[in-house]
Amino acid sequence: MSSECEAYEPLKASLLQVINWLLRLGEGGPKAAGFRDAGFERFERLWTGQQMLDALAEAGLDPQSVEHLWTCYEKARAAEDKAGFNTEGDAANQSVSSDIANPRAGGAALGYVSSLLTALRLLYGSYSEASSLQDEQQQQQQPGSAGGRAKAVSA
């Protein structure tokens, strides 16, 4: 398995962990899981900050896991961007179904993963920190910047 393909495995495992957590949460029904009826077959639940963080950690989405998954997502996205049908060796002789237009896993699937991870990175504050760090690195590389350092201010 190539290193590009290996980027998908942690994403897959994490999503399966989230699905299993959701299934466990709903085993006793919505009311047993602390949800209240919000209308026709709709339920909702509010968590306190710490309850939410604990629930996310239980689902495998703590801050460290999210950052690791983001790295895997970026590798998977890069692999998607350069994916192509193999036209060399034995792979070139394998038939490809006529309904398969391209060899990619699917932009929509990675789009959903990106949305989830972006929301979690914003929640944990790592998204803005990463952006601030990137801005600082860019300013350090620009000639004539005042000391090469700038402090990001968030509103």
N, C-alpha and C. Protein backbone atom coordinates (compact mmCIF):
# COMPACT_ATOMS: atom_id res chain seq x y z
N MET A 1 0.85 -1.18 0.00
CA MET A 1 0.00 0.00 0.00
C MET A 1 0.89 1.24 0.00
N SER A 2 0.59 2.18 -0.86
CA SER A 2 1.41 3.38 -0.95
C SER A 2 1.12 4.31 0.22
N SER A 3 2.05 5.22 0.46
CA SER A 3 1.87 6.17 1.56
C SER A 3 0.66 7.07 1.31
N GLU A 4 0.36 7.31 0.02
CA GLU A 4 -0.82 8.11 -0.30
C GLU A 4 -2.09 7.40 0.16
N CYS A 5 -2.15 6.10 -0.10
CA CYS A 5 -3.33 5.32 0.30
C CYS A 5 -3.43 5.19 1.81
N GLU A 6 -2.29 5.17 2.48
CA GLU A 6 -2.29 5.04 3.94
C GLU A 6 -2.95 6.24 4.63
N ALA A 7 -3.02 7.36 3.95
CA ALA A 7 -3.65 8.54 4.53
C ALA A 7 -5.14 8.32 4.73
N TYR A 8 -5.74 7.45 3.93
CA TYR A 8 -7.18 7.20 4.04
C TYR A 8 -7.53 6.32 5.24
N GLU A 9 -6.64 5.44 5.65
CA GLU A 9 -6.95 4.49 6.72
C GLU A 9 -7.32 5.16 8.04
N PRO A 10 -6.55 6.14 8.54
CA PRO A 10 -6.95 6.79 9.79
C PRO A 10 -8.28 7.53 9.66
N LEU A 11 -8.54 8.10 8.49
CA LEU A 11 -9.82 8.79 8.27
C LEU A 11 -10.97 7.79 8.34
N LYS A 12 -10.79 6.66 7.69
CA LYS A 12 -11.80 5.61 7.69
C LYS A 12 -12.03 5.09 9.11
N ALA A 13 -10.96 4.80 9.82
CA ALA A 13 -11.07 4.27 11.19
C ALA A 13 -11.75 5.27 12.11
N SER A 14 -11.42 6.53 11.95
CA SER A 14 -12.02 7.57 12.80
C SER A 14 -13.51 7.71 12.52
N LEU A 15 -13.88 7.71 11.25
CA LEU A 15 -15.30 7.84 10.91
C LEU A 15 -16.09 6.62 11.42
N LEU A 16 -15.49 5.44 11.35
CA LEU A 16 -16.15 4.25 11.89
C LEU A 16 -16.32 4.36 13.41
N GLN A 17 -15.32 4.93 14.07
CA GLN A 17 -15.41 5.14 15.51
C GLN A 17 -16.54 6.12 15.85
N VAL A 18 -16.67 7.18 15.08
CA VAL A 18 -17.75 8.14 15.30
C VAL A 18 -19.11 7.48 15.06
N ILE A 19 -19.21 6.69 14.00
CA ILE A 19 -20.47 5.99 13.71
C ILE A 19 -20.82 5.04 14.84
N ASN A 20 -19.84 4.28 15.32
CA ASN A 20 -20.10 3.35 16.43
C ASN A 20 -20.50 4.10 17.70
N TRP A 21 -19.89 5.26 17.94
CA TRP A 21 -20.25 6.06 19.11
C TRP A 21 -21.71 6.53 18.98
N LEU A 22 -22.08 6.98 17.80
CA LEU A 22 -23.46 7.42 17.58
C LEU A 22 -24.44 6.26 17.76
N LEU A 23 -24.07 5.09 17.27
CA LEU A 23 -24.94 3.92 17.45
C LEU A 23 -25.10 3.56 18.93
N ARG A 24 -23.98 3.60 19.68
CA ARG A 24 -24.06 3.33 21.12
C ARG A 24 -24.91 4.38 21.82
N LEU A 25 -24.75 5.62 21.42
CA LEU A 25 -25.51 6.71 22.02
C LEU A 25 -27.01 6.51 21.83
N GLY A 26 -27.39 5.98 20.68
CA GLY A 26 -28.80 5.82 20.37
C GLY A 26 -29.39 4.46 20.72
N GLU A 27 -28.58 3.57 21.32
CA GLU A 27 -29.07 2.21 21.60
C GLU A 27 -30.36 2.18 22.42
N GLY A 28 -30.46 3.01 23.43
CA GLY A 28 -31.64 2.99 24.29
C GLY A 28 -32.73 3.92 23.82
N GLY A 29 -32.57 4.48 22.66
CA GLY A 29 -33.54 5.43 22.15
C GLY A 29 -33.12 6.85 22.48
N PRO A 30 -33.73 7.80 21.83
CA PRO A 30 -33.34 9.20 22.01
C PRO A 30 -33.49 9.70 23.45
N LYS A 31 -34.56 9.33 24.11
CA LYS A 31 -34.79 9.85 25.47
C LYS A 31 -33.74 9.31 26.44
N ALA A 32 -33.37 8.03 26.29
CA ALA A 32 -32.37 7.43 27.16
C ALA A 32 -31.00 8.09 26.97
N ALA A 33 -30.75 8.62 25.78
CA ALA A 33 -29.48 9.28 25.49
C ALA A 33 -29.51 10.75 25.89
N GLY A 34 -30.60 11.20 26.49
CA GLY A 34 -30.69 12.58 26.94
C GLY A 34 -31.23 13.55 25.92
N PHE A 35 -31.79 13.04 24.84
CA PHE A 35 -32.36 13.91 23.82
C PHE A 35 -33.82 14.22 24.15
N ARG A 36 -34.27 15.37 23.72
CA ARG A 36 -35.67 15.72 23.92
C ARG A 36 -36.34 15.85 22.56
N ASP A 37 -37.62 15.62 22.56
CA ASP A 37 -38.40 15.69 21.33
C ASP A 37 -38.45 17.13 20.85
N ALA A 38 -38.11 17.34 19.59
CA ALA A 38 -38.09 18.69 19.02
C ALA A 38 -39.03 18.80 17.83
N GLY A 39 -40.01 17.92 17.76
CA GLY A 39 -40.93 17.96 16.64
C GLY A 39 -41.01 16.62 15.97
N PHE A 40 -41.59 16.59 14.81
CA PHE A 40 -41.84 15.35 14.09
C PHE A 40 -40.54 14.58 13.85
N GLU A 41 -40.37 13.50 14.61
CA GLU A 41 -39.22 12.60 14.51
C GLU A 41 -37.88 13.33 14.54
N ARG A 42 -37.81 14.42 15.29
CA ARG A 42 -36.57 15.17 15.45
C ARG A 42 -36.28 15.29 16.93
N PHE A 43 -35.03 15.11 17.28
CA PHE A 43 -34.62 15.18 18.66
C PHE A 43 -33.38 16.05 18.76
N GLU A 44 -33.21 16.65 19.93
CA GLU A 44 -32.04 17.50 20.12
C GLU A 44 -31.53 17.34 21.54
N ARG A 45 -30.30 17.71 21.72
CA ARG A 45 -29.69 17.64 23.04
C ARG A 45 -28.66 18.75 23.15
N LEU A 46 -28.60 19.36 24.30
CA LEU A 46 -27.59 20.38 24.57
C LEU A 46 -26.59 19.82 25.57
N TRP A 47 -25.32 20.02 25.26
CA TRP A 47 -24.26 19.60 26.17
C TRP A 47 -23.62 20.86 26.75
N THR A 48 -23.15 20.77 27.99
CA THR A 48 -22.31 21.84 28.52
C THR A 48 -20.97 21.73 27.81
N GLY A 49 -20.14 22.74 27.97
CA GLY A 49 -18.83 22.71 27.31
C GLY A 49 -18.03 21.46 27.62
N GLN A 50 -17.92 21.11 28.90
CA GLN A 50 -17.13 19.94 29.27
C GLN A 50 -17.80 18.65 28.82
N GLN A 51 -19.13 18.59 28.89
CA GLN A 51 -19.84 17.39 28.41
C GLN A 51 -19.58 17.19 26.93
N MET A 52 -19.58 18.28 26.17
CA MET A 52 -19.33 18.19 24.74
C MET A 52 -17.91 17.72 24.47
N LEU A 53 -16.94 18.27 25.19
CA LEU A 53 -15.55 17.87 25.00
C LEU A 53 -15.36 16.41 25.35
N ASP A 54 -16.01 15.97 26.44
CA ASP A 54 -15.94 14.55 26.83
C ASP A 54 -16.57 13.65 25.78
N ALA A 55 -17.71 14.08 25.24
CA ALA A 55 -18.39 13.29 24.20
C ALA A 55 -17.54 13.21 22.94
N LEU A 56 -16.92 14.31 22.56
CA LEU A 56 -16.05 14.30 21.37
C LEU A 56 -14.84 13.39 21.59
N ALA A 57 -14.28 13.44 22.79
CA ALA A 57 -13.15 12.57 23.10
C ALA A 57 -13.57 11.10 23.06
N GLU A 58 -14.75 10.81 23.58
CA GLU A 58 -15.28 9.44 23.54
C GLU A 58 -15.49 8.98 22.11
N ALA A 59 -15.85 9.90 21.24
CA ALA A 59 -16.06 9.57 19.83
C ALA A 59 -14.74 9.53 19.06
N GLY A 60 -13.62 9.79 19.75
CA GLY A 60 -12.31 9.75 19.10
C GLY A 60 -11.93 11.05 18.42
N LEU A 61 -12.55 12.15 18.83
CA LEU A 61 -12.30 13.43 18.19
C LEU A 61 -11.75 14.47 19.16
N ASP A 62 -10.77 14.06 19.97
CA ASP A 62 -10.11 15.00 20.87
C ASP A 62 -9.15 15.87 20.04
N PRO A 63 -8.62 16.96 20.60
CA PRO A 63 -7.80 17.88 19.81
C PRO A 63 -6.61 17.23 19.10
N GLN A 64 -5.91 16.32 19.77
CA GLN A 64 -4.75 15.69 19.15
C GLN A 64 -5.17 14.80 17.98
N SER A 65 -6.26 14.06 18.16
CA SER A 65 -6.74 13.20 17.08
C SER A 65 -7.18 14.03 15.88
N VAL A 66 -7.85 15.14 16.15
CA VAL A 66 -8.33 16.00 15.06
C VAL A 66 -7.14 16.54 14.25
N GLU A 67 -6.08 16.94 14.92
CA GLU A 67 -4.91 17.46 14.19
C GLU A 67 -4.25 16.36 13.36
N HIS A 68 -4.18 15.14 13.92
CA HIS A 68 -3.63 14.02 13.16
C HIS A 68 -4.51 13.73 11.94
N LEU A 69 -5.81 13.72 12.16
CA LEU A 69 -6.75 13.47 11.06
C LEU A 69 -6.66 14.56 10.00
N TRP A 70 -6.44 15.80 10.42
CA TRP A 70 -6.30 16.90 9.45
C TRP A 70 -5.09 16.67 8.56
N THR A 71 -4.00 16.21 9.15
CA THR A 71 -2.80 15.90 8.37
C THR A 71 -3.10 14.78 7.37
N CYS A 72 -3.81 13.75 7.83
CA CYS A 72 -4.20 12.65 6.94
C CYS A 72 -5.13 13.16 5.84
N TYR A 73 -6.05 14.04 6.20
CA TYR A 73 -6.97 14.61 5.20
C TYR A 73 -6.18 15.36 4.12
N GLU A 74 -5.21 16.17 4.54
CA GLU A 74 -4.43 16.93 3.57
C GLU A 74 -3.67 15.99 2.62
N LYS A 75 -3.13 14.89 3.16
CA LYS A 75 -2.44 13.91 2.30
C LYS A 75 -3.43 13.24 1.34
N ALA A 76 -4.60 12.89 1.86
CA ALA A 76 -5.62 12.26 1.01
C ALA A 76 -6.07 13.22 -0.08
N ARG A 77 -6.24 14.48 0.28
CA ARG A 77 -6.66 15.48 -0.70
C ARG A 77 -5.60 15.65 -1.79
N ALA A 78 -4.34 15.65 -1.39
CA ALA A 78 -3.25 15.75 -2.37
C ALA A 78 -3.25 14.52 -3.29
N ALA A 79 -3.50 13.35 -2.72
CA ALA A 79 -3.57 12.13 -3.53
C ALA A 79 -4.74 12.19 -4.50
N GLU A 80 -5.86 12.74 -4.04
CA GLU A 80 -7.03 12.90 -4.92
C GLU A 80 -6.72 13.81 -6.09
N ASP A 81 -6.00 14.89 -5.81
CA ASP A 81 -5.70 15.87 -6.85
C ASP A 81 -4.83 15.29 -7.96
N LYS A 82 -3.97 14.34 -7.62
CA LYS A 82 -3.10 13.80 -8.66
C LYS A 82 -3.44 12.36 -9.05
N ALA A 83 -4.61 11.89 -8.62
CA ALA A 83 -5.01 10.51 -8.94
C ALA A 83 -5.24 10.35 -10.44
N GLY A 84 -4.84 9.21 -10.94
CA GLY A 84 -5.04 8.90 -12.34
C GLY A 84 -5.06 7.39 -12.53
N PHE A 85 -5.61 6.97 -13.62
CA PHE A 85 -5.62 5.54 -13.91
C PHE A 85 -4.20 5.10 -14.25
N ASN A 86 -3.80 3.95 -13.72
CA ASN A 86 -2.48 3.42 -13.98
C ASN A 86 -2.46 2.83 -15.38
N THR A 87 -1.55 3.31 -16.21
CA THR A 87 -1.48 2.84 -17.58
C THR A 87 -0.20 2.06 -17.85
N GLU A 88 0.46 1.61 -16.78
CA GLU A 88 1.71 0.88 -16.95
C GLU A 88 1.61 -0.47 -16.25
N GLY A 89 2.35 -1.44 -16.76
CA GLY A 89 2.45 -2.76 -16.12
C GLY A 89 1.14 -3.52 -16.16
N ASP A 90 0.97 -4.43 -15.19
CA ASP A 90 -0.22 -5.27 -15.12
C ASP A 90 -1.49 -4.46 -14.88
N ALA A 91 -1.37 -3.34 -14.17
CA ALA A 91 -2.55 -2.52 -13.88
C ALA A 91 -3.18 -1.99 -15.16
N ALA A 92 -2.39 -1.79 -16.19
CA ALA A 92 -2.92 -1.26 -17.45
C ALA A 92 -3.83 -2.28 -18.13
N ASN A 93 -3.65 -3.57 -17.82
CA ASN A 93 -4.45 -4.62 -18.44
C ASN A 93 -5.75 -4.89 -17.71
N GLN A 94 -5.93 -4.31 -16.53
CA GLN A 94 -7.16 -4.55 -15.77
C GLN A 94 -8.29 -3.72 -16.36
N SER A 95 -9.44 -4.35 -16.44
CA SER A 95 -10.58 -3.61 -17.01
C SER A 95 -11.17 -2.66 -15.97
N VAL A 96 -11.65 -1.56 -16.44
CA VAL A 96 -12.29 -0.55 -15.59
C VAL A 96 -13.73 -0.43 -16.05
N SER A 97 -14.64 -0.53 -15.12
CA SER A 97 -16.06 -0.44 -15.44
C SER A 97 -16.35 0.88 -16.17
N SER A 98 -17.24 0.83 -17.13
CA SER A 98 -17.53 2.02 -17.93
C SER A 98 -18.20 3.13 -17.14
N ASP A 99 -18.77 2.80 -15.97
CA ASP A 99 -19.42 3.84 -15.18
C ASP A 99 -18.45 4.58 -14.26
N ILE A 100 -17.18 4.19 -14.26
CA ILE A 100 -16.17 4.87 -13.44
C ILE A 100 -15.46 5.88 -14.32
N ALA A 101 -15.71 7.14 -14.03
CA ALA A 101 -15.14 8.20 -14.85
C ALA A 101 -13.74 8.61 -14.39
N ASN A 102 -13.46 8.47 -13.08
CA ASN A 102 -12.13 8.81 -12.59
C ASN A 102 -11.77 7.92 -11.40
N PRO A 103 -10.50 7.83 -11.08
CA PRO A 103 -10.03 6.90 -10.07
C PRO A 103 -10.08 7.43 -8.63
N ARG A 104 -10.64 8.56 -8.43
CA ARG A 104 -10.62 9.19 -7.11
C ARG A 104 -11.65 8.57 -6.18
N ALA A 105 -11.40 8.73 -4.87
CA ALA A 105 -12.32 8.21 -3.86
C ALA A 105 -13.61 9.02 -3.86
N GLY A 106 -13.52 10.27 -4.18
CA GLY A 106 -14.72 11.10 -4.26
C GLY A 106 -14.56 12.40 -3.50
N GLY A 107 -14.70 13.49 -4.22
CA GLY A 107 -14.58 14.80 -3.61
C GLY A 107 -15.62 15.06 -2.55
N ALA A 108 -16.82 14.53 -2.75
CA ALA A 108 -17.89 14.77 -1.77
C ALA A 108 -17.54 14.14 -0.43
N ALA A 109 -17.01 12.93 -0.45
CA ALA A 109 -16.64 12.26 0.80
C ALA A 109 -15.58 13.05 1.54
N LEU A 110 -14.55 13.48 0.84
CA LEU A 110 -13.51 14.27 1.49
C LEU A 110 -14.03 15.65 1.87
N GLY A 111 -15.00 16.15 1.14
CA GLY A 111 -15.60 17.43 1.50
C GLY A 111 -16.30 17.37 2.84
N TYR A 112 -17.02 16.27 3.09
CA TYR A 112 -17.68 16.09 4.38
C TYR A 112 -16.66 15.96 5.50
N VAL A 113 -15.60 15.21 5.24
CA VAL A 113 -14.54 15.05 6.24
C VAL A 113 -13.91 16.40 6.53
N SER A 114 -13.66 17.18 5.47
CA SER A 114 -13.08 18.50 5.64
C SER A 114 -13.98 19.40 6.48
N SER A 115 -15.27 19.37 6.22
CA SER A 115 -16.21 20.20 6.99
C SER A 115 -16.20 19.83 8.46
N LEU A 116 -16.24 18.53 8.75
CA LEU A 116 -16.21 18.07 10.14
C LEU A 116 -14.92 18.49 10.82
N LEU A 117 -13.79 18.23 10.19
CA LEU A 117 -12.50 18.55 10.81
C LEU A 117 -12.30 20.06 10.94
N THR A 118 -12.76 20.83 9.96
CA THR A 118 -12.63 22.29 10.05
C THR A 118 -13.45 22.82 11.23
N ALA A 119 -14.68 22.33 11.38
CA ALA A 119 -15.51 22.77 12.52
C ALA A 119 -14.85 22.40 13.84
N LEU A 120 -14.29 21.20 13.92
CA LEU A 120 -13.63 20.79 15.17
C LEU A 120 -12.35 21.57 15.42
N ARG A 121 -11.61 21.87 14.37
CA ARG A 121 -10.40 22.68 14.55
C ARG A 121 -10.75 24.09 15.00
N LEU A 122 -11.84 24.63 14.48
CA LEU A 122 -12.30 25.95 14.95
C LEU A 122 -12.72 25.87 16.41
N LEU A 123 -13.42 24.81 16.77
CA LEU A 123 -13.85 24.62 18.15
C LEU A 123 -12.65 24.56 19.09
N TYR A 124 -11.65 23.80 18.71
CA TYR A 124 -10.47 23.63 19.57
C TYR A 124 -9.49 24.78 19.47
N GLY A 125 -9.68 25.66 18.50
CA GLY A 125 -8.80 26.82 18.37
C GLY A 125 -7.56 26.55 17.54
N SER A 126 -7.37 25.34 17.07
CA SER A 126 -6.15 25.04 16.32
C SER A 126 -6.21 25.59 14.90
N TYR A 127 -7.39 25.81 14.38
CA TYR A 127 -7.50 26.33 13.01
C TYR A 127 -6.94 27.75 12.95
N SER A 128 -7.35 28.60 13.87
CA SER A 128 -6.85 29.97 13.86
C SER A 128 -5.38 30.02 14.22
N GLU A 129 -4.93 29.12 15.11
CA GLU A 129 -3.52 29.09 15.47
C GLU A 129 -2.68 28.70 14.26
N ALA A 130 -3.15 27.73 13.50
CA ALA A 130 -2.42 27.31 12.31
C ALA A 130 -2.35 28.45 11.30
N SER A 131 -3.45 29.17 11.14
CA SER A 131 -3.47 30.30 10.21
C SER A 131 -2.53 31.40 10.68
N SER A 132 -2.53 31.68 11.98
CA SER A 132 -1.65 32.72 12.53
C SER A 132 -0.19 32.34 12.34
N LEU A 133 0.13 31.06 12.56
CA LEU A 133 1.49 30.59 12.39
C LEU A 133 1.91 30.72 10.93
N GLN A 134 1.01 30.37 10.02
CA GLN A 134 1.31 30.47 8.60
C GLN A 134 1.53 31.93 8.21
N ASP A 135 0.69 32.83 8.73
CA ASP A 135 0.86 34.27 8.44
C ASP A 135 2.21 34.76 8.95
N GLU A 136 2.58 34.31 10.15
CA GLU A 136 3.85 34.74 10.74
C GLU A 136 5.02 34.24 9.90
N GLN A 137 4.94 33.00 9.44
CA GLN A 137 6.01 32.44 8.61
C GLN A 137 6.13 33.20 7.30
N GLN A 138 5.00 33.57 6.71
CA GLN A 138 5.04 34.31 5.45
C GLN A 138 5.67 35.68 5.65
N GLN A 139 5.36 36.35 6.77
CA GLN A 139 5.92 37.67 7.02
C GLN A 139 7.42 37.59 7.28
N GLN A 140 7.86 36.49 7.90
CA GLN A 140 9.29 36.33 8.15
C GLN A 140 10.05 36.16 6.84
N GLN A 141 9.39 35.61 5.84
CA GLN A 141 10.03 35.37 4.55
C GLN A 141 10.04 36.62 3.68
N GLN A 142 9.19 37.58 3.97
CA GLN A 142 9.11 38.79 3.16
C GLN A 142 10.25 39.74 3.52
N PRO A 143 11.01 40.18 2.53
CA PRO A 143 12.09 41.13 2.81
C PRO A 143 11.52 42.49 3.22
N GLY A 144 12.20 43.13 4.15
CA GLY A 144 11.79 44.47 4.55
C GLY A 144 10.68 44.51 5.58
N SER A 145 10.31 43.34 6.13
CA SER A 145 9.28 43.38 7.16
C SER A 145 9.91 43.81 8.47
N ALA A 146 9.15 44.48 9.29
CA ALA A 146 9.66 45.04 10.55
C ALA A 146 9.97 43.92 11.52
N GLY A 147 11.21 43.48 11.53
CA GLY A 147 11.63 42.45 12.46
C GLY A 147 11.13 41.07 12.05
N GLY A 148 10.34 41.00 11.00
CA GLY A 148 9.87 39.71 10.54
C GLY A 148 8.79 39.10 11.40
N ARG A 149 8.29 39.81 12.40
CA ARG A 149 7.29 39.23 13.29
C ARG A 149 6.05 40.10 13.29
N ALA A 150 4.93 39.43 13.33
CA ALA A 150 3.65 40.13 13.45
C ALA A 150 2.77 39.30 14.37
N LYS A 151 1.98 39.95 15.14
CA LYS A 151 1.10 39.24 16.05
C LYS A 151 -0.31 39.31 15.48
N ALA A 152 -0.94 38.14 15.37
CA ALA A 152 -2.31 38.08 14.85
C ALA A 152 -3.26 38.42 15.97
N VAL A 153 -4.23 39.22 15.64
CA VAL A 153 -5.27 39.60 16.61
C VAL A 153 -6.59 39.08 16.10
N SER A 154 -7.28 38.34 16.94
CA SER A 154 -8.59 37.83 16.52
C SER A 154 -9.68 38.65 17.18
N ALA A 155 -10.72 38.85 16.44
CA ALA A 155 -11.84 39.66 16.94
C ALA A 155 -12.82 38.80 17.68
